[in-house]
Amino acid sequence: MRPRTNRDDYHTMSREQQVNLIRLRTGHNRLNAHMNRKFQLAPSPTCACGQEDQTAEHILQRCPLLDEERKEVWPSPTPLQTKLYGSRQELEKTTTFITSAGLIV
């Protein structure tokens, strides 16, 4: 196998950042929706806000409990696609949001 000669934005990030992003992208994470449905380790798939299942899309886009953190990182509305697959700057914003929100994905 030959080593990768060019590195995209995702591959220039730290291992921890890469792990968080791939978990958010694939849905194989420690959020309630996955932990309840796949492993029955969470009592319910519902988010602590009680409005919908705790998925990556919910926490990154709509969870009212994370509105303040979300507005600090993304002052204007940003599509989910950009948050998960955008430029390095956007990807770093996503990992910063996860850390500042105190989430473990």
PDB file of N, CA and C in Angstrom:
ATOM      1  N   MET A   1       0.824  -1.175   0.000  1.00  0.00           N
ATOM      2  CA  MET A   1       0.000   0.000   0.000  1.00  0.00           C
ATOM      3  C   MET A   1       0.877   1.249   0.000  1.00  0.00           C
ATOM      4  N   ARG A   2       0.593   2.155  -0.899  1.00  0.00           N
ATOM      5  CA  ARG A   2       1.372   3.394  -0.956  1.00  0.00           C
ATOM      6  C   ARG A   2       0.795   4.419  -0.002  1.00  0.00           C
ATOM      7  N   PRO A   3       1.657   5.217   0.632  1.00  0.00           N
ATOM      8  CA  PRO A   3       1.140   6.263   1.526  1.00  0.00           C
ATOM      9  C   PRO A   3       0.414   7.339   0.723  1.00  0.00           C
ATOM     10  N   ARG A   4      -0.540   7.942   1.373  1.00  0.00           N
ATOM     11  CA  ARG A   4      -1.322   9.019   0.762  1.00  0.00           C
ATOM     12  C   ARG A   4      -0.394  10.212   0.532  1.00  0.00           C
ATOM     13  N   THR A   5      -0.390  10.730  -0.700  1.00  0.00           N
ATOM     14  CA  THR A   5       0.485  11.867  -1.005  1.00  0.00           C
ATOM     15  C   THR A   5      -0.207  13.204  -0.784  1.00  0.00           C
ATOM     16  N   ASN A   6      -1.503  13.264  -1.023  1.00  0.00           N
ATOM     17  CA  ASN A   6      -2.217  14.511  -0.757  1.00  0.00           C
ATOM     18  C   ASN A   6      -3.170  14.281   0.412  1.00  0.00           C
ATOM     19  N   ARG A   7      -3.329  15.288   1.226  1.00  0.00           N
ATOM     20  CA  ARG A   7      -4.156  15.148   2.421  1.00  0.00           C
ATOM     21  C   ARG A   7      -5.298  16.139   2.346  1.00  0.00           C
ATOM     22  N   ASP A   8      -6.505  15.624   2.467  1.00  0.00           N
ATOM     23  CA  ASP A   8      -7.657  16.519   2.487  1.00  0.00           C
ATOM     24  C   ASP A   8      -7.810  17.101   3.887  1.00  0.00           C
ATOM     25  N   ASP A   9      -8.775  17.993   4.050  1.00  0.00           N
ATOM     26  CA  ASP A   9      -8.948  18.698   5.323  1.00  0.00           C
ATOM     27  C   ASP A   9      -9.188  17.742   6.481  1.00  0.00           C
ATOM     28  N   TYR A  10      -9.992  16.720   6.261  1.00  0.00           N
ATOM     29  CA  TYR A  10     -10.294  15.749   7.318  1.00  0.00           C
ATOM     30  C   TYR A  10      -9.021  15.060   7.812  1.00  0.00           C
ATOM     31  N   HIS A  11      -8.137  14.676   6.890  1.00  0.00           N
ATOM     32  CA  HIS A  11      -6.939  13.923   7.260  1.00  0.00           C
ATOM     33  C   HIS A  11      -5.834  14.789   7.862  1.00  0.00           C
ATOM     34  N   THR A  12      -6.006  16.096   7.892  1.00  0.00           N
ATOM     35  CA  THR A  12      -5.011  16.963   8.530  1.00  0.00           C
ATOM     36  C   THR A  12      -5.389  17.279   9.974  1.00  0.00           C
ATOM     37  N   MET A  13      -6.546  16.789  10.396  1.00  0.00           N
ATOM     38  CA  MET A  13      -7.022  17.057  11.753  1.00  0.00           C
ATOM     39  C   MET A  13      -6.438  16.036  12.729  1.00  0.00           C
ATOM     40  N   SER A  14      -6.573  16.334  14.020  1.00  0.00           N
ATOM     41  CA  SER A  14      -6.066  15.410  15.038  1.00  0.00           C
ATOM     42  C   SER A  14      -6.896  14.128  15.035  1.00  0.00           C
ATOM     43  N   ARG A  15      -6.355  13.080  15.583  1.00  0.00           N
ATOM     44  CA  ARG A  15      -7.061  11.797  15.644  1.00  0.00           C
ATOM     45  C   ARG A  15      -8.383  11.940  16.403  1.00  0.00           C
ATOM     46  N   GLU A  16      -8.371  12.660  17.515  1.00  0.00           N
ATOM     47  CA  GLU A  16      -9.590  12.857  18.304  1.00  0.00           C
ATOM     48  C   GLU A  16     -10.668  13.568  17.482  1.00  0.00           C
ATOM     49  N   GLN A  17     -10.270  14.585  16.737  1.00  0.00           N
ATOM     50  CA  GLN A  17     -11.223  15.307  15.897  1.00  0.00           C
ATOM     51  C   GLN A  17     -11.780  14.389  14.803  1.00  0.00           C
ATOM     52  N   GLN A  18     -10.911  13.588  14.195  1.00  0.00           N
ATOM     53  CA  GLN A  18     -11.344  12.661  13.159  1.00  0.00           C
ATOM     54  C   GLN A  18     -12.345  11.645  13.707  1.00  0.00           C
ATOM     55  N   VAL A  19     -12.064  11.121  14.894  1.00  0.00           N
ATOM     56  CA  VAL A  19     -12.954  10.134  15.511  1.00  0.00           C
ATOM     57  C   VAL A  19     -14.325  10.750  15.761  1.00  0.00           C
ATOM     58  N   ASN A  20     -14.351  11.947  16.333  1.00  0.00           N
ATOM     59  CA  ASN A  20     -15.635  12.605  16.595  1.00  0.00           C
ATOM     60  C   ASN A  20     -16.420  12.826  15.304  1.00  0.00           C
ATOM     61  N   LEU A  21     -15.746  13.279  14.261  1.00  0.00           N
ATOM     62  CA  LEU A  21     -16.436  13.541  12.998  1.00  0.00           C
ATOM     63  C   LEU A  21     -16.962  12.264  12.355  1.00  0.00           C
ATOM     64  N   ILE A  22     -16.166  11.216  12.346  1.00  0.00           N
ATOM     65  CA  ILE A  22     -16.624   9.980  11.703  1.00  0.00           C
ATOM     66  C   ILE A  22     -17.787   9.378  12.480  1.00  0.00           C
ATOM     67  N   ARG A  23     -17.774   9.508  13.788  1.00  0.00           N
ATOM     68  CA  ARG A  23     -18.893   9.013  14.589  1.00  0.00           C
ATOM     69  C   ARG A  23     -20.165   9.801  14.305  1.00  0.00           C
ATOM     70  N   LEU A  24     -20.034  11.117  14.149  1.00  0.00           N
ATOM     71  CA  LEU A  24     -21.200  11.942  13.822  1.00  0.00           C
ATOM     72  C   LEU A  24     -21.699  11.638  12.413  1.00  0.00           C
ATOM     73  N   ARG A  25     -20.772  11.445  11.486  1.00  0.00           N
ATOM     74  CA  ARG A  25     -21.143  11.184  10.101  1.00  0.00           C
ATOM     75  C   ARG A  25     -21.869   9.850   9.945  1.00  0.00           C
ATOM     76  N   THR A  26     -21.408   8.832  10.632  1.00  0.00           N
ATOM     77  CA  THR A  26     -21.949   7.483  10.434  1.00  0.00           C
ATOM     78  C   THR A  26     -23.125   7.152  11.340  1.00  0.00           C
ATOM     79  N   GLY A  27     -23.292   7.902  12.421  1.00  0.00           N
ATOM     80  CA  GLY A  27     -24.360   7.594  13.363  1.00  0.00           C
ATOM     81  C   GLY A  27     -23.975   6.528  14.374  1.00  0.00           C
ATOM     82  N   HIS A  28     -22.763   6.011  14.283  1.00  0.00           N
ATOM     83  CA  HIS A  28     -22.259   5.033  15.253  1.00  0.00           C
ATOM     84  C   HIS A  28     -21.533   5.812  16.346  1.00  0.00           C
ATOM     85  N   ASN A  29     -22.300   6.260  17.322  1.00  0.00           N
ATOM     86  CA  ASN A  29     -21.772   7.159  18.334  1.00  0.00           C
ATOM     87  C   ASN A  29     -22.384   6.834  19.691  1.00  0.00           C
ATOM     88  N   ARG A  30     -22.109   7.658  20.655  1.00  0.00           N
ATOM     89  CA  ARG A  30     -22.600   7.441  22.015  1.00  0.00           C
ATOM     90  C   ARG A  30     -23.828   8.292  22.350  1.00  0.00           C
ATOM     91  N   LEU A  31     -24.510   8.777  21.350  1.00  0.00           N
ATOM     92  CA  LEU A  31     -25.727   9.535  21.578  1.00  0.00           C
ATOM     93  C   LEU A  31     -26.875   8.565  21.869  1.00  0.00           C
ATOM     94  N   ASN A  32     -27.882   9.049  22.566  1.00  0.00           N
ATOM     95  CA  ASN A  32     -28.965   8.176  23.038  1.00  0.00           C
ATOM     96  C   ASN A  32     -29.627   7.344  21.946  1.00  0.00           C
ATOM     97  N   ALA A  33     -29.857   7.923  20.787  1.00  0.00           N
ATOM     98  CA  ALA A  33     -30.567   7.200  19.731  1.00  0.00           C
ATOM     99  C   ALA A  33     -29.833   5.913  19.366  1.00  0.00           C
ATOM    100  N   HIS A  34     -28.534   6.001  19.170  1.00  0.00           N
ATOM    101  CA  HIS A  34     -27.752   4.817  18.803  1.00  0.00           C
ATOM    102  C   HIS A  34     -27.584   3.861  19.984  1.00  0.00           C
ATOM    103  N   MET A  35     -27.284   4.416  21.148  1.00  0.00           N
ATOM    104  CA  MET A  35     -27.042   3.565  22.319  1.00  0.00           C
ATOM    105  C   MET A  35     -28.298   2.819  22.751  1.00  0.00           C
ATOM    106  N   ASN A  36     -29.463   3.399  22.520  1.00  0.00           N
ATOM    107  CA  ASN A  36     -30.713   2.728  22.879  1.00  0.00           C
ATOM    108  C   ASN A  36     -31.091   1.672  21.846  1.00  0.00           C
ATOM    109  N   ARG A  37     -31.051   2.029  20.595  1.00  0.00           N
ATOM    110  CA  ARG A  37     -31.512   1.115  19.549  1.00  0.00           C
ATOM    111  C   ARG A  37     -30.551  -0.040  19.295  1.00  0.00           C
ATOM    112  N   LYS A  38     -29.271   0.246  19.321  1.00  0.00           N
ATOM    113  CA  LYS A  38     -28.286  -0.781  18.980  1.00  0.00           C
ATOM    114  C   LYS A  38     -27.914  -1.656  20.168  1.00  0.00           C
ATOM    115  N   PHE A  39     -27.723  -1.052  21.331  1.00  0.00           N
ATOM    116  CA  PHE A  39     -27.186  -1.787  22.470  1.00  0.00           C
ATOM    117  C   PHE A  39     -28.092  -1.821  23.697  1.00  0.00           C
ATOM    118  N   GLN A  40     -29.203  -1.086  23.671  1.00  0.00           N
ATOM    119  CA  GLN A  40     -30.096  -0.968  24.817  1.00  0.00           C
ATOM    120  C   GLN A  40     -29.340  -0.490  26.069  1.00  0.00           C
ATOM    121  N   LEU A  41     -28.362   0.379  25.876  1.00  0.00           N
ATOM    122  CA  LEU A  41     -27.583   0.927  26.985  1.00  0.00           C
ATOM    123  C   LEU A  41     -28.116   2.272  27.471  1.00  0.00           C
ATOM    124  N   ALA A  42     -28.965   2.896  26.690  1.00  0.00           N
ATOM    125  CA  ALA A  42     -29.623   4.130  27.118  1.00  0.00           C
ATOM    126  C   ALA A  42     -31.099   3.784  27.339  1.00  0.00           C
ATOM    127  N   PRO A  43     -31.705   4.343  28.379  1.00  0.00           N
ATOM    128  CA  PRO A  43     -33.097   4.001  28.666  1.00  0.00           C
ATOM    129  C   PRO A  43     -34.070   4.429  27.572  1.00  0.00           C
ATOM    130  N   SER A  44     -33.702   5.448  26.812  1.00  0.00           N
ATOM    131  CA  SER A  44     -34.578   5.977  25.773  1.00  0.00           C
ATOM    132  C   SER A  44     -33.723   6.611  24.680  1.00  0.00           C
ATOM    133  N   PRO A  45     -34.193   6.606  23.429  1.00  0.00           N
ATOM    134  CA  PRO A  45     -33.445   7.293  22.371  1.00  0.00           C
ATOM    135  C   PRO A  45     -33.625   8.808  22.407  1.00  0.00           C
ATOM    136  N   THR A  46     -34.526   9.285  23.252  1.00  0.00           N
ATOM    137  CA  THR A  46     -34.880  10.695  23.293  1.00  0.00           C
ATOM    138  C   THR A  46     -33.784  11.544  23.935  1.00  0.00           C
ATOM    139  N   CYS A  47     -33.607  12.731  23.403  1.00  0.00           N
ATOM    140  CA  CYS A  47     -32.658  13.702  23.934  1.00  0.00           C
ATOM    141  C   CYS A  47     -33.165  14.217  25.277  1.00  0.00           C
ATOM    142  N   ALA A  48     -32.284  14.772  26.072  1.00  0.00           N
ATOM    143  CA  ALA A  48     -32.660  15.344  27.366  1.00  0.00           C
ATOM    144  C   ALA A  48     -33.658  16.494  27.210  1.00  0.00           C
ATOM    145  N   CYS A  49     -33.696  17.120  26.048  1.00  0.00           N
ATOM    146  CA  CYS A  49     -34.659  18.200  25.807  1.00  0.00           C
ATOM    147  C   CYS A  49     -36.081  17.648  25.682  1.00  0.00           C
ATOM    148  N   GLY A  50     -36.214  16.370  25.394  1.00  0.00           N
ATOM    149  CA  GLY A  50     -37.514  15.727  25.294  1.00  0.00           C
ATOM    150  C   GLY A  50     -38.250  15.948  23.993  1.00  0.00           C
ATOM    151  N   GLN A  51     -37.629  16.620  23.029  1.00  0.00           N
ATOM    152  CA  GLN A  51     -38.336  16.954  21.789  1.00  0.00           C
ATOM    153  C   GLN A  51     -38.212  15.889  20.700  1.00  0.00           C
ATOM    154  N   GLU A  52     -37.067  15.249  20.602  1.00  0.00           N
ATOM    155  CA  GLU A  52     -36.872  14.220  19.582  1.00  0.00           C
ATOM    156  C   GLU A  52     -35.683  13.344  19.945  1.00  0.00           C
ATOM    157  N   ASP A  53     -35.437  12.330  19.135  1.00  0.00           N
ATOM    158  CA  ASP A  53     -34.322  11.433  19.397  1.00  0.00           C
ATOM    159  C   ASP A  53     -32.997  12.195  19.344  1.00  0.00           C
ATOM    160  N   GLN A  54     -32.076  11.785  20.198  1.00  0.00           N
ATOM    161  CA  GLN A  54     -30.765  12.427  20.251  1.00  0.00           C
ATOM    162  C   GLN A  54     -29.867  11.828  19.174  1.00  0.00           C
ATOM    163  N   THR A  55     -29.866  12.461  18.027  1.00  0.00           N
ATOM    164  CA  THR A  55     -29.033  12.067  16.895  1.00  0.00           C
ATOM    165  C   THR A  55     -28.031  13.182  16.618  1.00  0.00           C
ATOM    166  N   ALA A  56     -27.088  12.912  15.727  1.00  0.00           N
ATOM    167  CA  ALA A  56     -26.124  13.946  15.351  1.00  0.00           C
ATOM    168  C   ALA A  56     -26.836  15.151  14.745  1.00  0.00           C
ATOM    169  N   GLU A  57     -27.794  14.903  13.884  1.00  0.00           N
ATOM    170  CA  GLU A  57     -28.524  16.007  13.265  1.00  0.00           C
ATOM    171  C   GLU A  57     -29.255  16.837  14.321  1.00  0.00           C
ATOM    172  N   HIS A  58     -29.869  16.174  15.272  1.00  0.00           N
ATOM    173  CA  HIS A  58     -30.603  16.894  16.322  1.00  0.00           C
ATOM    174  C   HIS A  58     -29.671  17.790  17.133  1.00  0.00           C
ATOM    175  N   ILE A  59     -28.548  17.259  17.600  1.00  0.00           N
ATOM    176  CA  ILE A  59     -27.675  18.081  18.449  1.00  0.00           C
ATOM    177  C   ILE A  59     -26.974  19.183  17.663  1.00  0.00           C
ATOM    178  N   LEU A  60     -26.645  18.914  16.411  1.00  0.00           N
ATOM    179  CA  LEU A  60     -25.949  19.933  15.616  1.00  0.00           C
ATOM    180  C   LEU A  60     -26.887  20.998  15.056  1.00  0.00           C
ATOM    181  N   GLN A  61     -28.166  20.682  14.886  1.00  0.00           N
ATOM    182  CA  GLN A  61     -29.064  21.598  14.215  1.00  0.00           C
ATOM    183  C   GLN A  61     -30.192  22.166  15.073  1.00  0.00           C
ATOM    184  N   ARG A  62     -30.792  21.364  15.968  1.00  0.00           N
ATOM    185  CA  ARG A  62     -32.055  21.792  16.553  1.00  0.00           C
ATOM    186  C   ARG A  62     -32.181  21.723  18.065  1.00  0.00           C
ATOM    187  N   CYS A  63     -31.353  21.039  18.781  1.00  0.00           N
ATOM    188  CA  CYS A  63     -31.564  20.847  20.219  1.00  0.00           C
ATOM    189  C   CYS A  63     -31.611  22.198  20.945  1.00  0.00           C
ATOM    190  N   PRO A  64     -32.744  22.494  21.606  1.00  0.00           N
ATOM    191  CA  PRO A  64     -32.861  23.780  22.302  1.00  0.00           C
ATOM    192  C   PRO A  64     -31.905  23.906  23.492  1.00  0.00           C
ATOM    193  N   LEU A  65     -31.476  22.792  24.057  1.00  0.00           N
ATOM    194  CA  LEU A  65     -30.539  22.841  25.185  1.00  0.00           C
ATOM    195  C   LEU A  65     -29.150  23.305  24.751  1.00  0.00           C
ATOM    196  N   LEU A  66     -28.866  23.223  23.457  1.00  0.00           N
ATOM    197  CA  LEU A  66     -27.540  23.587  22.944  1.00  0.00           C
ATOM    198  C   LEU A  66     -27.568  24.852  22.082  1.00  0.00           C
ATOM    199  N   ASP A  67     -28.668  25.603  22.152  1.00  0.00           N
ATOM    200  CA  ASP A  67     -28.793  26.816  21.340  1.00  0.00           C
ATOM    201  C   ASP A  67     -27.669  27.813  21.571  1.00  0.00           C
ATOM    202  N   GLU A  68     -27.333  28.062  22.828  1.00  0.00           N
ATOM    203  CA  GLU A  68     -26.279  29.047  23.138  1.00  0.00           C
ATOM    204  C   GLU A  68     -24.941  28.639  22.532  1.00  0.00           C
ATOM    205  N   GLU A  69     -24.536  27.390  22.767  1.00  0.00           N
ATOM    206  CA  GLU A  69     -23.263  26.903  22.227  1.00  0.00           C
ATOM    207  C   GLU A  69     -23.276  26.945  20.695  1.00  0.00           C
ATOM    208  N   ARG A  70     -24.409  26.565  20.110  1.00  0.00           N
ATOM    209  CA  ARG A  70     -24.535  26.539  18.647  1.00  0.00           C
ATOM    210  C   ARG A  70     -24.375  27.940  18.069  1.00  0.00           C
ATOM    211  N   LYS A  71     -25.009  28.931  18.705  1.00  0.00           N
ATOM    212  CA  LYS A  71     -24.935  30.314  18.206  1.00  0.00           C
ATOM    213  C   LYS A  71     -23.540  30.906  18.368  1.00  0.00           C
ATOM    214  N   GLU A  72     -22.808  30.460  19.395  1.00  0.00           N
ATOM    215  CA  GLU A  72     -21.433  30.930  19.559  1.00  0.00           C
ATOM    216  C   GLU A  72     -20.536  30.416  18.441  1.00  0.00           C
ATOM    217  N   VAL A  73     -20.738  29.180  18.044  1.00  0.00           N
ATOM    218  CA  VAL A  73     -19.888  28.567  17.019  1.00  0.00           C
ATOM    219  C   VAL A  73     -20.358  28.963  15.618  1.00  0.00           C
ATOM    220  N   TRP A  74     -21.666  28.911  15.385  1.00  0.00           N
ATOM    221  CA  TRP A  74     -22.253  29.250  14.086  1.00  0.00           C
ATOM    222  C   TRP A  74     -23.269  30.376  14.281  1.00  0.00           C
ATOM    223  N   PRO A  75     -22.853  31.641  14.189  1.00  0.00           N
ATOM    224  CA  PRO A  75     -23.780  32.761  14.393  1.00  0.00           C
ATOM    225  C   PRO A  75     -24.930  32.793  13.387  1.00  0.00           C
ATOM    226  N   SER A  76     -24.690  32.310  12.188  1.00  0.00           N
ATOM    227  CA  SER A  76     -25.765  32.253  11.189  1.00  0.00           C
ATOM    228  C   SER A  76     -26.064  30.786  10.883  1.00  0.00           C
ATOM    229  N   PRO A  77     -27.282  30.483  10.401  1.00  0.00           N
ATOM    230  CA  PRO A  77     -27.643  29.101  10.102  1.00  0.00           C
ATOM    231  C   PRO A  77     -26.657  28.451   9.124  1.00  0.00           C
ATOM    232  N   THR A  78     -26.252  27.237   9.463  1.00  0.00           N
ATOM    233  CA  THR A  78     -25.294  26.488   8.648  1.00  0.00           C
ATOM    234  C   THR A  78     -25.861  25.105   8.383  1.00  0.00           C
ATOM    235  N   PRO A  79     -25.856  24.653   7.134  1.00  0.00           N
ATOM    236  CA  PRO A  79     -26.402  23.332   6.824  1.00  0.00           C
ATOM    237  C   PRO A  79     -25.604  22.205   7.492  1.00  0.00           C
ATOM    238  N   LEU A  80     -26.277  21.115   7.794  1.00  0.00           N
ATOM    239  CA  LEU A  80     -25.635  19.951   8.405  1.00  0.00           C
ATOM    240  C   LEU A  80     -24.504  19.438   7.525  1.00  0.00           C
ATOM    241  N   GLN A  81     -24.710  19.427   6.223  1.00  0.00           N
ATOM    242  CA  GLN A  81     -23.694  18.958   5.279  1.00  0.00           C
ATOM    243  C   GLN A  81     -22.382  19.733   5.460  1.00  0.00           C
ATOM    244  N   THR A  82     -22.478  21.027   5.645  1.00  0.00           N
ATOM    245  CA  THR A  82     -21.289  21.864   5.831  1.00  0.00           C
ATOM    246  C   THR A  82     -20.617  21.539   7.157  1.00  0.00           C
ATOM    247  N   LYS A  83     -21.409  21.319   8.197  1.00  0.00           N
ATOM    248  CA  LYS A  83     -20.857  21.019   9.517  1.00  0.00           C
ATOM    249  C   LYS A  83     -20.107  19.697   9.539  1.00  0.00           C
ATOM    250  N   LEU A  84     -20.536  18.742   8.737  1.00  0.00           N
ATOM    251  CA  LEU A  84     -19.918  17.414   8.759  1.00  0.00           C
ATOM    252  C   LEU A  84     -18.924  17.161   7.630  1.00  0.00           C
ATOM    253  N   TYR A  85     -19.052  17.882   6.525  1.00  0.00           N
ATOM    254  CA  TYR A  85     -18.207  17.608   5.356  1.00  0.00           C
ATOM    255  C   TYR A  85     -17.571  18.853   4.764  1.00  0.00           C
ATOM    256  N   GLY A  86     -17.650  19.981   5.447  1.00  0.00           N
ATOM    257  CA  GLY A  86     -17.142  21.242   4.907  1.00  0.00           C
ATOM    258  C   GLY A  86     -15.632  21.362   4.949  1.00  0.00           C
ATOM    259  N   SER A  87     -15.183  22.589   4.866  1.00  0.00           N
ATOM    260  CA  SER A  87     -13.753  22.887   4.902  1.00  0.00           C
ATOM    261  C   SER A  87     -13.182  22.583   6.292  1.00  0.00           C
ATOM    262  N   ARG A  88     -11.892  22.622   6.397  1.00  0.00           N
ATOM    263  CA  ARG A  88     -11.258  22.355   7.693  1.00  0.00           C
ATOM    264  C   ARG A  88     -11.791  23.307   8.757  1.00  0.00           C
ATOM    265  N   GLN A  89     -11.982  24.554   8.392  1.00  0.00           N
ATOM    266  CA  GLN A  89     -12.497  25.544   9.343  1.00  0.00           C
ATOM    267  C   GLN A  89     -13.878  25.116   9.860  1.00  0.00           C
ATOM    268  N   GLU A  90     -14.741  24.657   8.977  1.00  0.00           N
ATOM    269  CA  GLU A  90     -16.078  24.207   9.382  1.00  0.00           C
ATOM    270  C   GLU A  90     -15.999  22.940  10.224  1.00  0.00           C
ATOM    271  N   LEU A  91     -15.129  22.025   9.860  1.00  0.00           N
ATOM    272  CA  LEU A  91     -14.974  20.792  10.629  1.00  0.00           C
ATOM    273  C   LEU A  91     -14.457  21.081  12.035  1.00  0.00           C
ATOM    274  N   GLU A  92     -13.546  22.043  12.142  1.00  0.00           N
ATOM    275  CA  GLU A  92     -13.036  22.428  13.459  1.00  0.00           C
ATOM    276  C   GLU A  92     -14.131  23.083  14.297  1.00  0.00           C
ATOM    277  N   LYS A  93     -15.004  23.843  13.658  1.00  0.00           N
ATOM    278  CA  LYS A  93     -16.131  24.427  14.385  1.00  0.00           C
ATOM    279  C   LYS A  93     -17.006  23.323  14.966  1.00  0.00           C
ATOM    280  N   THR A  94     -17.222  22.273  14.194  1.00  0.00           N
ATOM    281  CA  THR A  94     -18.049  21.156  14.657  1.00  0.00           C
ATOM    282  C   THR A  94     -17.415  20.480  15.857  1.00  0.00           C
ATOM    283  N   THR A  95     -16.129  20.214  15.797  1.00  0.00           N
ATOM    284  CA  THR A  95     -15.475  19.551  16.930  1.00  0.00           C
ATOM    285  C   THR A  95     -15.399  20.482  18.141  1.00  0.00           C
ATOM    286  N   THR A  96     -15.258  21.772  17.909  1.00  0.00           N
ATOM    287  CA  THR A  96     -15.290  22.744  19.004  1.00  0.00           C
ATOM    288  C   THR A  96     -16.661  22.753  19.667  1.00  0.00           C
ATOM    289  N   PHE A  97     -17.708  22.713  18.869  1.00  0.00           N
ATOM    290  CA  PHE A  97     -19.074  22.679  19.393  1.00  0.00           C
ATOM    291  C   PHE A  97     -19.281  21.445  20.272  1.00  0.00           C
ATOM    292  N   ILE A  98     -18.862  20.302  19.807  1.00  0.00           N
ATOM    293  CA  ILE A  98     -19.022  19.050  20.557  1.00  0.00           C
ATOM    294  C   ILE A  98     -18.309  19.167  21.903  1.00  0.00           C
ATOM    295  N   THR A  99     -17.115  19.701  21.909  1.00  0.00           N
ATOM    296  CA  THR A  99     -16.351  19.863  23.145  1.00  0.00           C
ATOM    297  C   THR A  99     -17.004  20.877  24.073  1.00  0.00           C
ATOM    298  N   SER A 100     -17.380  22.040  23.552  1.00  0.00           N
ATOM    299  CA  SER A 100     -17.967  23.085  24.394  1.00  0.00           C
ATOM    300  C   SER A 100     -19.331  22.667  24.950  1.00  0.00           C
ATOM    301  N   ALA A 101     -20.049  21.815  24.222  1.00  0.00           N
ATOM    302  CA  ALA A 101     -21.342  21.331  24.681  1.00  0.00           C
ATOM    303  C   ALA A 101     -21.197  20.228  25.725  1.00  0.00           C
ATOM    304  N   GLY A 102     -19.976  19.740  25.914  1.00  0.00           N
ATOM    305  CA  GLY A 102     -19.742  18.677  26.887  1.00  0.00           C
ATOM    306  C   GLY A 102     -20.263  17.324  26.442  1.00  0.00           C
ATOM    307  N   LEU A 103     -20.396  17.144  25.128  1.00  0.00           N
ATOM    308  CA  LEU A 103     -20.911  15.885  24.598  1.00  0.00           C
ATOM    309  C   LEU A 103     -19.787  14.884  24.370  1.00  0.00           C
ATOM    310  N   ILE A 104     -20.097  13.634  24.583  1.00  0.00           N
ATOM    311  CA  ILE A 104     -19.182  12.550  24.265  1.00  0.00           C
ATOM    312  C   ILE A 104     -19.815  11.763  23.141  1.00  0.00           C
ATOM    313  N   VAL A 105     -19.198  11.814  21.984  1.00  0.00           N
ATOM    314  CA  VAL A 105     -19.753  11.095  20.847  1.00  0.00           C
ATOM    315  C   VAL A 105     -18.880   9.905  20.563  1.00  0.00           C
TER     316      VAL A 105
END
